[in-house]
N, C-alpha and C. Protein backbone atom coordinates (compact mmCIF):
# COMPACT_ATOMS: atom_id res chain seq x y z
N UNK A 1 0.46 26.17 19.48
CA UNK A 1 1.57 26.03 19.73
C UNK A 1 2.17 24.36 19.05
N UNK A 2 1.27 23.26 19.45
CA UNK A 2 1.32 21.95 19.72
C UNK A 2 1.14 21.79 17.91
N UNK A 3 0.46 22.85 17.20
CA UNK A 3 -0.53 22.24 16.00
C UNK A 3 0.77 22.69 15.22
N UNK A 4 1.20 23.82 15.37
CA UNK A 4 2.62 24.53 14.30
C UNK A 4 3.73 23.71 14.45
N UNK A 5 3.99 23.06 15.67
CA UNK A 5 5.31 22.02 16.26
C UNK A 5 5.09 21.13 15.55
N UNK A 6 3.80 20.04 15.29
CA UNK A 6 3.35 18.84 14.70
C UNK A 6 3.58 19.51 13.19
N UNK A 7 2.98 20.14 12.64
CA UNK A 7 3.51 20.50 11.32
C UNK A 7 4.47 20.81 10.59
N UNK A 8 5.50 21.20 11.25
CA UNK A 8 6.68 21.61 11.35
C UNK A 8 7.40 20.13 10.89
N UNK A 9 7.15 19.27 12.22
CA UNK A 9 7.95 17.92 12.05
C UNK A 9 7.45 17.22 10.80
N UNK A 10 6.47 17.19 10.70
CA UNK A 10 5.45 16.42 9.39
C UNK A 10 6.38 17.23 8.35
N UNK A 11 6.54 18.26 8.08
CA UNK A 11 6.57 18.84 6.57
C UNK A 11 8.54 18.63 6.41
N UNK A 12 9.00 18.44 7.99
CA UNK A 12 10.31 17.97 8.54
C UNK A 12 10.68 17.03 7.49
N UNK A 13 9.96 15.63 7.91
CA UNK A 13 10.11 14.24 7.49
C UNK A 13 9.36 13.83 5.75
N UNK A 14 8.71 14.74 5.54
CA UNK A 14 8.20 14.33 3.86
C UNK A 14 9.75 15.01 3.73
N UNK A 15 9.95 15.99 3.61
CA UNK A 15 11.05 16.46 2.66
C UNK A 15 12.46 15.34 2.75
N UNK A 16 12.96 14.89 4.22
CA UNK A 16 13.92 14.22 4.63
C UNK A 16 13.44 12.79 4.18
N UNK A 17 12.27 12.07 3.62
CA UNK A 17 12.04 11.42 3.23
C UNK A 17 12.59 11.10 1.20
N UNK A 18 12.65 11.95 0.55
CA UNK A 18 13.15 12.13 -0.69
C UNK A 18 12.03 11.64 -1.53
N UNK A 19 12.31 11.61 -2.90
CA UNK A 19 11.82 11.58 -3.85
C UNK A 19 11.20 10.01 -4.03
N UNK A 20 9.53 9.73 -4.01
CA UNK A 20 9.44 8.44 -3.93
C UNK A 20 9.30 7.85 -5.43
N UNK A 21 10.02 6.86 -5.73
CA UNK A 21 10.12 5.95 -6.80
C UNK A 21 8.77 5.08 -7.27
N UNK A 22 7.90 5.33 -8.70
CA UNK A 22 7.31 4.90 -8.96
C UNK A 22 7.33 3.47 -9.79
N UNK A 23 6.70 2.34 -9.26
CA UNK A 23 6.72 0.98 -9.49
C UNK A 23 5.71 0.88 -11.50
N UNK A 24 6.63 0.37 -11.98
CA UNK A 24 6.13 -0.22 -13.30
C UNK A 24 4.85 -0.64 -13.51
N UNK A 25 4.39 -1.54 -12.37
CA UNK A 25 3.14 -2.43 -11.87
C UNK A 25 3.02 -2.08 -10.69
N UNK A 26 1.88 -1.84 -10.67
CA UNK A 26 1.36 -1.31 -8.70
C UNK A 26 1.18 -3.26 -8.70
N UNK A 27 1.36 -3.49 -6.97
CA UNK A 27 1.39 -4.87 -6.63
C UNK A 27 0.03 -5.22 -5.85
N UNK A 28 -0.73 -6.26 -6.00
CA UNK A 28 -1.93 -5.74 -5.31
C UNK A 28 -1.94 -7.15 -4.15
N UNK A 29 -2.13 -6.69 -3.02
CA UNK A 29 -2.30 -7.74 -2.24
C UNK A 29 -3.94 -7.98 -1.58
N UNK A 30 -4.24 -9.23 -1.13
CA UNK A 30 -5.46 -9.61 -0.99
C UNK A 30 -5.27 -10.34 0.35
N UNK A 31 -6.17 -9.78 1.34
CA UNK A 31 -6.28 -10.76 2.69
C UNK A 31 -7.38 -11.07 3.19
N UNK A 32 -7.39 -11.92 3.86
CA UNK A 32 -8.72 -12.70 4.41
C UNK A 32 -8.31 -13.35 5.43
N UNK A 33 -9.62 -13.61 6.01
CA UNK A 33 -9.70 -13.84 7.93
C UNK A 33 -10.03 -15.57 8.13
N UNK A 34 -10.45 -15.92 6.84
CA UNK A 34 -11.01 -17.29 6.96
C UNK A 34 -10.83 -18.17 5.42
N UNK A 35 -11.02 -19.48 5.62
CA UNK A 35 -10.42 -20.57 4.31
C UNK A 35 -11.97 -20.73 3.90
N UNK A 36 -11.88 -20.57 2.45
CA UNK A 36 -13.18 -20.85 1.75
C UNK A 36 -12.84 -20.84 0.71
N UNK A 37 -13.48 -21.66 0.12
CA UNK A 37 -13.78 -21.77 -2.25
C UNK A 37 -13.55 -20.49 -2.50
N UNK A 38 -14.30 -19.75 -2.16
CA UNK A 38 -14.57 -18.50 -2.79
C UNK A 38 -12.84 -17.47 -2.44
N UNK A 39 -12.00 -17.71 -1.65
CA UNK A 39 -11.26 -16.87 -1.48
C UNK A 39 -10.01 -17.48 -2.09
N UNK A 40 -10.37 -18.69 -2.42
CA UNK A 40 -9.40 -19.38 -3.54
C UNK A 40 -9.45 -18.61 -5.04
N UNK A 41 -10.56 -18.85 -5.44
CA UNK A 41 -11.09 -17.99 -6.20
C UNK A 41 -11.01 -15.98 -6.69
N UNK A 42 -11.14 -15.39 -5.56
CA UNK A 42 -10.24 -14.49 -5.71
C UNK A 42 -9.07 -14.09 -5.64
N UNK A 43 -8.19 -15.33 -5.32
CA UNK A 43 -6.66 -15.45 -4.95
C UNK A 43 -6.32 -15.39 -7.06
N UNK A 44 -7.44 -16.45 -7.66
CA UNK A 44 -7.37 -16.94 -9.16
C UNK A 44 -7.05 -15.01 -9.49
N UNK A 45 -7.96 -14.59 -9.16
CA UNK A 45 -8.27 -13.36 -9.89
C UNK A 45 -7.34 -12.06 -9.58
N UNK A 46 -6.67 -12.38 -8.49
CA UNK A 46 -5.94 -11.33 -7.74
C UNK A 46 -4.72 -11.63 -9.04
N UNK A 47 -4.29 -12.77 -8.70
CA UNK A 47 -3.01 -13.62 -9.19
C UNK A 47 -3.20 -13.08 -11.19
N UNK A 48 -4.22 -13.21 -11.72
CA UNK A 48 -4.59 -13.06 -13.30
C UNK A 48 -4.41 -11.52 -13.16
N UNK A 49 -5.26 -10.63 -12.09
CA UNK A 49 -4.71 -8.96 -12.56
C UNK A 49 -3.22 -8.60 -12.34
N UNK A 50 -2.60 -9.66 -11.72
CA UNK A 50 -1.18 -8.81 -11.39
C UNK A 50 -0.29 -9.20 -12.72
N UNK A 51 -0.85 -10.47 -13.24
CA UNK A 51 -0.32 -11.07 -14.31
C UNK A 51 1.12 -12.14 -14.46
N UNK A 52 0.80 -13.01 -13.27
CA UNK A 52 1.39 -14.02 -12.61
C UNK A 52 0.81 -15.43 -13.58
């Protein structure tokens, strides 16, 4: 019974959300937890991949 209720709520939420608009170009995010020269190189690679 609880499962049916949860599924019904999920379906209703998806229905109310509306269509999803696709971006022209995906946006990348790169999150790190420590400072290092390696991460500066990784950031440069991410920016290059984004075309910035």
